[in-house]
Every structure is written in C-alpha cells, then in structure tokens.
Protein backbone atom coordinates (compact mmCIF):
# COMPACT_ATOMS: atom_id res chain seq x y z
CA MET A 1 -53.24 23.43 9.34
CA ASN A 2 -53.20 20.38 11.68
CA PHE A 3 -53.25 21.14 15.40
CA GLU A 4 -53.18 17.59 16.51
CA GLY A 5 -49.43 17.07 15.97
CA PRO A 6 -46.50 19.33 17.35
CA VAL A 7 -47.32 22.85 15.60
CA ASN A 8 -44.82 24.98 13.59
CA ILE A 9 -44.70 27.87 15.78
CA LYS A 10 -42.95 30.37 13.07
CA GLU A 11 -46.19 29.55 10.95
CA ILE A 12 -49.10 30.60 14.00
CA LEU A 13 -46.47 33.74 14.28
CA ALA A 14 -47.11 34.75 11.02
CA GLN A 15 -50.68 34.03 10.81
CA LEU A 16 -50.70 36.21 13.97
CA ASP A 17 -49.10 38.98 12.35
CA GLY A 18 -47.61 40.97 15.26
CA ALA A 19 -51.03 39.60 17.57
CA PHE A 20 -50.52 38.21 20.60
CA PRO A 21 -53.52 35.41 20.67
CA MET A 22 -55.30 36.22 24.18
CA ASP A 23 -58.31 35.01 25.93
CA GLU A 24 -61.16 35.38 28.26
CA ALA A 25 -59.87 32.75 30.03
CA VAL A 26 -56.42 33.70 31.10
CA VAL A 27 -57.97 36.86 32.45
CA GLU A 28 -60.54 34.59 34.57
CA ALA A 29 -57.21 32.68 35.15
CA LEU A 30 -55.76 35.84 37.07
CA PRO A 31 -55.65 36.59 41.04
CA LEU A 32 -59.16 36.90 42.75
CA GLY A 33 -59.30 41.11 42.31
CA SER A 34 -57.03 41.77 39.76
CA THR A 35 -58.06 43.58 36.42
CA PHE A 36 -56.19 42.49 32.63
CA LEU A 37 -54.42 45.59 31.66
CA SER A 38 -52.36 44.03 28.40
CA VAL A 39 -50.61 41.74 26.88
CA GLU A 40 -47.59 41.77 24.78
CA SER A 41 -45.34 38.60 23.24
CA PHE A 42 -42.00 38.07 25.40
CA GLY A 43 -39.54 35.98 25.02
CA THR A 44 -39.14 33.14 22.14
CA SER A 45 -40.11 29.49 22.29
CA ALA A 46 -39.76 26.32 19.85
CA TRP A 47 -43.05 24.72 20.79
CA THR A 48 -45.48 27.67 22.69
CA ILE A 49 -46.24 31.17 21.89
CA THR A 50 -44.96 33.24 25.21
CA GLY A 51 -46.00 36.56 26.10
CA ARG A 52 -46.07 39.05 29.21
CA VAL A 53 -49.36 39.89 31.05
CA VAL A 54 -49.74 43.22 33.22
CA ALA A 55 -53.17 43.29 35.00
CA ARG A 56 -53.90 45.35 37.93
CA GLU A 57 -54.26 44.23 41.49
CA PRO A 58 -56.50 45.36 43.81
CA GLY A 59 -54.47 47.81 45.67
CA GLU A 60 -54.02 49.54 42.49
CA SER A 61 -50.00 48.50 41.72
CA GLU A 62 -49.48 46.55 38.02
CA LYS A 63 -48.24 43.28 38.17
CA ALA A 64 -46.96 40.78 35.67
CA TYR A 65 -47.64 37.82 34.45
CA PHE A 66 -45.75 34.65 32.15
CA LEU A 67 -48.25 33.32 29.67
CA LYS A 68 -47.90 29.98 27.35
CA VAL A 69 -50.07 29.25 24.66
CA ALA A 70 -49.87 26.14 22.08
CA TYR A 71 -52.56 24.62 20.41
CA GLY A 72 -54.27 21.39 19.78
CA ASP A 73 -53.80 18.20 21.86
CA HIS A 74 -50.03 18.10 21.35
CA GLY A 75 -50.16 21.44 23.09
CA ARG A 76 -52.54 20.44 25.59
CA ILE A 77 -50.32 17.58 26.71
CA MET A 78 -47.44 20.05 26.73
CA LEU A 79 -49.15 22.88 28.99
CA LEU A 80 -50.54 20.26 31.30
CA GLY A 81 -47.57 18.55 32.08
CA GLU A 82 -45.54 21.78 32.42
CA PHE A 83 -48.19 23.18 34.76
CA GLU A 84 -48.48 20.04 36.86
CA SER A 85 -44.21 19.58 36.84
CA SER A 86 -43.99 23.64 38.06
CA LYS A 87 -46.77 22.76 40.74
CA ALA A 88 -44.15 19.80 42.26
CA ILE A 89 -41.78 21.46 42.03
CA TYR A 90 -42.91 24.86 43.68
CA GLU A 91 -44.39 22.80 46.24
CA ILE A 92 -41.04 22.17 47.80
CA THR A 93 -38.55 24.86 46.31
CA PRO A 94 -40.66 27.93 45.67
CA ASP A 95 -38.05 29.98 45.09
CA PHE A 96 -36.56 27.74 42.58
CA ILE A 97 -39.42 28.03 39.98
CA PRO A 98 -41.72 31.15 38.86
CA GLN A 99 -45.10 30.41 40.67
CA PRO A 100 -47.39 28.44 38.37
CA LEU A 101 -50.82 30.26 38.45
CA GLY A 102 -52.99 28.59 36.10
CA PHE A 103 -53.64 26.13 33.08
CA GLY A 104 -56.72 26.06 31.17
CA ARG A 105 -58.15 25.93 27.11
CA TYR A 106 -59.30 29.14 25.11
CA LYS A 107 -62.77 29.70 24.96
CA VAL A 108 -62.58 30.28 21.37
CA GLN A 109 -63.19 26.26 19.94
CA SER A 110 -61.28 26.24 16.87
CA PRO A 111 -58.41 25.61 16.98
CA ALA A 112 -58.40 24.31 20.61
CA THR A 113 -56.21 26.61 22.16
CA TYR A 114 -54.57 25.77 25.80
CA PHE A 115 -52.64 28.04 28.02
CA TYR A 116 -49.96 28.01 31.06
CA LEU A 117 -50.11 31.00 33.07
CA SER A 118 -47.33 31.95 35.75
CA GLU A 119 -45.52 34.32 37.73
CA PHE A 120 -43.71 36.43 35.71
CA ILE A 121 -39.91 36.98 36.90
CA ASP A 122 -36.86 38.87 35.36
CA MET A 123 -34.44 37.09 34.34
CA ASP A 124 -30.52 37.03 33.38
CA VAL A 125 -30.78 33.98 30.73
CA THR A 126 -26.96 34.41 28.90
CA THR A 127 -24.81 34.87 32.27
CA ALA A 128 -23.60 31.46 33.70
CA PRO A 129 -25.03 30.27 36.96
CA ASP A 130 -22.74 30.23 39.86
CA PRO A 131 -21.71 26.48 39.90
CA VAL A 132 -21.80 26.22 43.69
CA GLU A 133 -25.05 28.17 44.03
CA PHE A 134 -26.93 26.62 41.28
CA THR A 135 -25.59 23.06 42.31
CA SER A 136 -26.40 22.94 45.49
CA ARG A 137 -30.00 23.98 45.18
CA LEU A 138 -30.49 21.54 42.25
CA ALA A 139 -29.41 18.66 44.28
CA GLU A 140 -31.25 20.48 47.48
CA MET A 141 -34.75 19.58 45.24
CA HIS A 142 -33.33 16.65 44.08
CA LYS A 143 -32.93 15.27 48.39
CA ILE A 144 -36.66 16.56 49.95
CA SER A 145 -38.37 15.65 46.89
CA GLU A 146 -41.18 12.25 47.50
CA SER A 147 -42.79 10.64 45.17
CA PRO A 148 -46.77 10.36 46.35
CA THR A 149 -46.50 6.93 45.32
CA GLY A 150 -43.07 5.61 46.36
CA LYS A 151 -42.42 4.69 42.55
CA PHE A 152 -40.96 5.99 39.54
CA GLY A 153 -42.48 8.46 36.86
CA PHE A 154 -45.24 11.11 36.84
CA HIS A 155 -48.85 11.34 37.34
CA VAL A 156 -49.83 13.45 33.88
CA ALA A 157 -48.03 13.72 31.12
CA THR A 158 -44.42 15.73 30.52
CA CYS A 159 -42.72 16.53 27.79
CA ASP A 160 -39.17 17.17 26.91
CA GLY A 161 -39.35 20.23 23.87
CA LYS A 162 -41.99 18.46 21.69
CA VAL A 163 -41.67 14.95 22.92
CA ALA A 164 -43.91 13.25 25.69
CA HIS A 165 -42.25 11.25 28.24
CA THR A 166 -43.60 7.75 28.95
CA VAL A 167 -43.94 8.21 32.56
CA ASP A 168 -46.25 5.17 33.84
CA TRP A 169 -45.23 4.53 37.19
CA GLU A 170 -42.77 1.84 38.00
CA GLU A 171 -41.24 0.65 41.42
CA SER A 172 -38.03 -0.55 38.90
CA TRP A 173 -35.90 2.42 38.29
CA ALA A 174 -34.32 0.10 35.35
CA GLU A 175 -37.51 -0.92 33.99
CA PHE A 176 -38.85 2.85 34.01
CA TYR A 177 -35.86 3.88 32.09
CA ARG A 178 -35.96 1.37 29.64
CA LYS A 179 -39.92 1.83 28.47
CA LEU A 180 -38.82 5.83 28.50
CA LEU A 181 -35.49 5.22 26.10
CA VAL A 182 -37.89 2.84 24.07
CA GLY A 183 -40.17 5.55 24.12
CA VAL A 184 -38.25 7.86 22.81
CA CYS A 185 -36.31 6.08 20.09
CA GLN A 186 -39.83 5.05 18.79
CA HIS A 187 -40.57 8.50 18.10
CA ASP A 188 -36.79 9.33 16.44
CA LEU A 189 -37.49 5.96 14.14
CA GLU A 190 -40.54 8.02 12.82
CA THR A 191 -38.79 11.34 12.73
CA ASN A 192 -35.85 10.10 11.08
CA GLY A 193 -36.10 6.96 9.69
CA GLN A 194 -34.90 3.09 9.83
CA TRP A 195 -31.29 2.81 10.70
CA PRO A 196 -30.93 -1.19 11.06
CA GLU A 197 -27.78 -1.20 12.91
CA MET A 198 -28.73 1.52 15.49
CA GLU A 199 -31.98 -0.17 15.82
CA ARG A 200 -29.94 -3.57 16.25
CA ALA A 201 -28.00 -1.48 19.13
CA THR A 202 -31.11 0.09 20.95
CA VAL A 203 -32.77 -3.62 21.91
CA GLN A 204 -29.55 -4.03 23.17
CA VAL A 205 -29.29 -1.66 25.65
CA ALA A 206 -33.05 -1.76 26.52
CA THR A 207 -32.69 -5.32 27.03
CA LYS A 208 -29.30 -6.21 28.18
CA VAL A 209 -27.47 -3.04 28.85
CA VAL A 210 -30.52 -0.99 31.09
CA PRO A 211 -30.91 -4.00 33.42
CA ARG A 212 -27.24 -4.52 33.93
CA LEU A 213 -26.20 -0.81 35.04
CA LEU A 214 -29.29 0.36 36.55
CA GLY A 215 -30.41 -3.37 38.10
CA SER A 216 -27.50 -2.94 40.00
CA LEU A 217 -29.12 0.20 41.59
CA GLN A 218 -31.77 -1.10 43.65
CA ALA A 219 -30.01 -5.03 43.66
CA GLY A 220 -29.36 -6.70 47.23
CA ASP A 221 -29.39 -3.73 49.39
CA ARG A 222 -29.05 -1.03 47.67
CA GLN A 223 -32.00 1.51 47.29
CA ILE A 224 -32.19 4.80 45.04
CA LYS A 225 -35.39 7.18 46.02
CA PRO A 226 -37.47 8.78 43.36
CA SER A 227 -36.47 12.09 43.37
CA ILE A 228 -38.16 15.02 41.07
CA ILE A 229 -36.14 16.32 38.30
CA HIS A 230 -36.73 19.24 35.98
CA GLY A 231 -36.62 16.30 32.95
CA ASP A 232 -35.32 19.17 30.58
CA LEU A 233 -32.16 20.96 32.38
CA TRP A 234 -29.67 22.94 30.11
CA GLU A 235 -28.86 26.37 30.30
CA GLY A 236 -31.47 27.00 28.29
CA ASN A 237 -33.93 26.63 30.70
CA MET A 238 -32.72 28.16 33.52
CA GLY A 239 -31.64 32.20 34.75
CA ILE A 240 -30.76 34.16 37.39
CA LYS A 241 -33.10 36.18 38.88
CA THR A 242 -32.24 39.93 38.30
CA ASP A 243 -33.49 41.00 41.81
CA THR A 244 -32.02 38.40 44.13
CA GLY A 245 -29.35 37.03 41.95
CA ASP A 246 -30.82 33.43 42.61
CA THR A 247 -30.72 30.87 40.09
CA SER A 248 -34.42 29.74 39.01
CA LEU A 249 -35.38 26.77 36.38
CA PHE A 250 -38.67 26.91 34.14
CA ASP A 251 -39.98 25.02 30.73
CA ALA A 252 -40.02 21.67 33.34
CA GLY A 253 -41.01 18.27 31.94
CA SER A 254 -40.85 16.42 35.25
CA TYR A 255 -41.25 12.88 36.80
CA TYR A 256 -39.74 11.17 39.58
CA ALA A 257 -37.27 9.55 38.69
CA HIS A 258 -33.09 8.97 39.97
CA ASN A 259 -31.64 12.35 40.56
CA GLU A 260 -28.64 11.15 38.42
CA MET A 261 -31.06 11.18 35.24
CA GLU A 262 -30.76 14.72 35.76
CA LEU A 263 -27.35 14.74 34.38
CA GLY A 264 -27.82 13.11 31.48
CA HIS A 265 -28.42 16.18 29.38
CA TRP A 266 -24.90 17.77 30.56
CA ARG A 267 -23.35 15.32 28.64
CA CYS A 268 -25.36 16.51 24.92
CA GLU A 269 -23.91 18.78 22.44
CA PHE A 270 -27.04 21.38 23.25
CA SER A 271 -25.30 21.84 26.35
CA SER A 272 -22.59 24.17 26.48
CA VAL A 273 -22.10 25.90 30.32
CA PHE A 274 -23.52 22.38 31.90
CA ARG A 275 -20.49 20.43 29.56
CA SER A 276 -18.43 21.90 32.17
CA LYS A 277 -17.50 19.31 34.75
CA LEU A 278 -17.09 21.65 37.17
CA TYR A 279 -21.23 21.53 37.63
CA THR A 280 -21.01 17.52 37.58
CA ARG A 281 -18.27 17.76 40.22
CA HIS A 282 -19.89 20.31 42.26
CA TYR A 283 -23.58 18.61 42.25
CA LEU A 284 -22.17 15.50 43.11
CA SER A 285 -20.19 17.06 46.31
CA ASN A 286 -23.57 17.64 47.53
CA TYR A 287 -25.43 14.42 46.17
CA PRO A 288 -22.82 11.87 46.03
CA ALA A 289 -22.82 9.09 43.19
CA ALA A 290 -24.84 5.91 43.63
CA GLU A 291 -23.36 2.64 44.40
CA PRO A 292 -21.62 1.45 42.28
CA VAL A 293 -19.90 4.97 42.20
CA ASP A 294 -17.46 3.30 39.39
CA GLU A 295 -20.12 3.28 36.81
CA PHE A 296 -21.17 7.12 37.42
CA ASP A 297 -19.76 8.06 34.29
CA ASP A 298 -21.39 4.59 32.07
CA ARG A 299 -24.64 5.68 33.82
CA ASN A 300 -24.67 9.20 32.98
CA ARG A 301 -23.28 7.89 29.53
CA LEU A 302 -26.83 5.84 29.25
CA TYR A 303 -28.86 8.62 30.93
CA SER A 304 -27.29 11.03 27.78
CA LEU A 305 -29.14 9.07 25.20
CA ASN A 306 -32.47 9.80 26.02
CA GLY A 307 -32.04 13.51 26.07
CA ALA A 308 -29.57 13.33 22.68
CA ILE A 309 -32.63 10.83 20.92
CA ASN A 310 -35.20 13.02 22.32
CA TYR A 311 -33.63 16.04 20.47
CA ALA A 312 -32.70 13.72 17.37
CA ALA A 313 -36.53 13.18 17.43
CA GLY A 314 -37.66 17.07 17.60
CA HIS A 315 -34.60 18.05 14.54
CA PRO A 316 -34.96 16.12 11.49
CA GLY A 317 -31.24 15.04 10.78
CA SER A 318 -29.63 16.31 13.61
CA ILE A 319 -25.95 15.27 14.63
CA LEU A 320 -27.29 14.01 17.86
CA ARG A 321 -28.83 10.70 16.58
CA LYS A 322 -25.54 9.51 15.47
CA THR A 323 -24.01 10.65 19.04
CA ALA A 324 -26.03 8.31 20.58
CA TYR A 325 -25.79 5.83 18.24
CA ASN A 326 -21.90 5.73 19.25
CA ASN A 327 -22.48 6.03 22.64
CA MET A 328 -25.39 2.61 22.17
CA CYS A 329 -21.82 0.90 20.93
CA TYR A 330 -19.51 2.10 23.83
CA LEU A 331 -22.35 0.59 25.94
CA CYS A 332 -22.86 -2.81 24.00
CA GLU A 333 -19.23 -3.05 23.86
CA LYS A 334 -18.51 -2.73 27.26
CA TYR A 335 -21.37 -4.31 28.49
CA ALA A 336 -23.01 -6.82 26.27
CA PRO A 337 -21.35 -6.96 23.13
CA ILE A 338 -23.25 -7.95 19.88
CA ASP A 339 -22.23 -8.46 16.13
CA GLY A 340 -23.96 -6.38 13.09
CA ILE A 341 -23.27 -2.56 14.97
CA ASP A 342 -20.51 -0.41 14.62
CA LYS A 343 -17.09 -0.03 16.96
CA TYR A 344 -17.61 2.70 19.18
CA ASP A 345 -15.52 5.85 17.75
CA PRO A 346 -14.07 8.01 19.99
CA LYS A 347 -12.83 10.65 17.83
CA ILE A 348 -16.65 11.60 17.18
CA ASP A 349 -17.69 11.26 20.88
CA PRO A 350 -18.58 14.96 22.33
CA SER A 351 -17.11 14.33 25.62
CA ASN A 352 -13.52 13.73 24.12
CA THR A 353 -14.13 16.45 21.23
CA GLY A 354 -16.15 18.84 22.95
CA ALA A 355 -18.39 19.19 20.08
CA ARG A 356 -21.38 21.45 20.47
CA ILE A 357 -24.16 23.15 18.42
CA VAL A 358 -26.55 25.83 18.79
CA PRO A 359 -29.96 24.26 20.19
CA HIS A 360 -33.41 25.22 17.76
CA LEU A 361 -30.92 26.66 15.33
CA LEU A 362 -32.81 25.91 11.96
CA GLU A 363 -36.25 26.86 13.74
CA GLY A 364 -34.69 30.36 14.34
CA PHE A 365 -35.25 30.09 17.99
CA ILE A 366 -31.49 30.54 19.70
C-alpha cells in the first residue's frame, strides 16, 4: 500500500484486525513518571486511527490520554499541523481545547507512522452547544490571539480534513485568501477532473472578486487583525465536556486569518447545527462584522468556497462542488461579470433550500 498520499483508514483497520497500532514512542511521550497500562480504539476518524491510552501516574492514580495515528508524509503533515494548531489555541484558551502533549514518529521503520497525543476529555458530541456560551468563547479566542509575525498564515502546514492548507505568511489578507482558494481548487481539479466553466469562474473569483471584497477590508484606514482560527470548525469538531458542560474544540487545522473566515464553514452543507443563523447572530454580537458591514454575507459566501471545495476535493463526486460553483457564479455576477459561466441559480443554493449532507457517509464514518 502507498503511504505517501492520504490513506484509506478503513483498509488499514481491516489489516489491523482489531489490534491498535501502539509503539514505544508514544510511551516515551507520556508525562514524566507515567507507566503505560493499556490502549484501545476510541472514536472514529476518516483520515486517522484514534485511541484511548491509559497510564498510571506517580501517585498511583490512572489517567487517560487521546491518541491519533496516521501514516506516510501526509500523516506527518496532518498530525504535526494539529499538534501546532492545538498548542496555539491552548496557549491562549487552555479550557477550550484538550491539552496537546506530543507529536512524533513511531520507532517502527515501515510504514512511516506518526502520532499525536493529547489530554483525554469526556465529551458529548451529539448535543448542540449553547449558542450564547459557544460563540462567546469562540469570539474571545479570535479577539485575544496575536499572530507572532503580525501577518496572516501559520508556521507549519495544517490540514482541513485530508487537504493541506496553503498557509505561507502574507501581510495582505486578500492575497493570503487568494492563494488558499487557488490551492484548494487545484486539489479539487486533481480529484474531480476538469470543469471548464468552474475553472473560468475560479480565475475570475481569484483575480477580481477576492481583491474587490477582501481588499476593501484593508483599504485606506481600515485594518483587520490576524486571528487564530480553528480552521475546520463545524459541529463535528467540537463537543461539550461531560464534567463541566463547557464547550471544547478538537481536530484543529489552524492559521491566523480574518476572524470571519471561521464562519465560512457554517454555510456549507456538511454543517447542520451551525447553519442556524442563531449562531452567526450571537457570534457577531460578540465580534461585530468588519467594515463594510453590508458586505458581510458576501464575504461569508466567499469564505464558504474554501470549505465546500475542500470537502469536494476529499470526497470525489460530492454535491458541494456544484454548490461552490453556483456561489462563484453569484459572486461573479455581482462583482465581476464574465461570459462563459452559468447564471447563479437560487433554487439550488443551500442557503435558500436548507439542503444538507451527512459528512463522511461514503467512508462509513458518520
């Protein structure tokens, strides 16, 4: 099996036949003085193998840890990105994400295997979070975070699902987003094949709409600050702590962005709970929309392209590709009309129809 690209986790699980792939490198990453006791599979993931490690602490009490395992260079990028993302979030909001404890490579040489170890938190991942509490905490994370360079980007590659973000540092948010969008569109093209009209619309959005809509955020005296974002925030990547009732994030693929970028995923069909305008409304009450305020919804539509196309790139044949193209047509019609693409069709816009999908259904992880 080729372990350089994204790995089919269902195939790996079948090969393991119920055994969890443990390694001495994980034992060494446990807190000093801990004694490894056991490991078992825990939870499901479309791109990694996940487990629960139990160790005995120096005081003889037992403590659980969460472990992720992935393969090949893609697995290294994905788990290192999550480790660094979680560190950045934990440093400023330590009660909003499990404490990251370690990242490394297994001692077994082949296949190249990587791990991410964190604090284990019991969570309810089926109940919708309280919109007031959750959006308040999310907005606070965005507000207090500070980019170490003062620019938009991140110091290591991070992933949204199995697709790596383009996160090179940029002073211009419009330029950063343009590169991010072009990168994910290239992944989609490689996965789903050519679509001349969408390719034409992509160029128009990247070269005309993005400078128009996002360039205005930093035009004249206007400024926006780079904020740490989760990077793949929908209800499947957060839960409610069973002991305190507080919300918690996980599966982060972060970078420093315009804070409104975080809300782009909430417009996509894979998001069900957060599609409710209640969450956006409460978020904006804590962190008001940037100027021009009247262009917030158009920016949100633009930001949703990244999430939708990213999902389509990871799930061949997904309807989200058509949704993204239709949103491109809307933005082109309004800001940069061009021949050779379709007319925006409001009848197939999920924002109007309420259409949703069940994420990762084809992989069997729902």
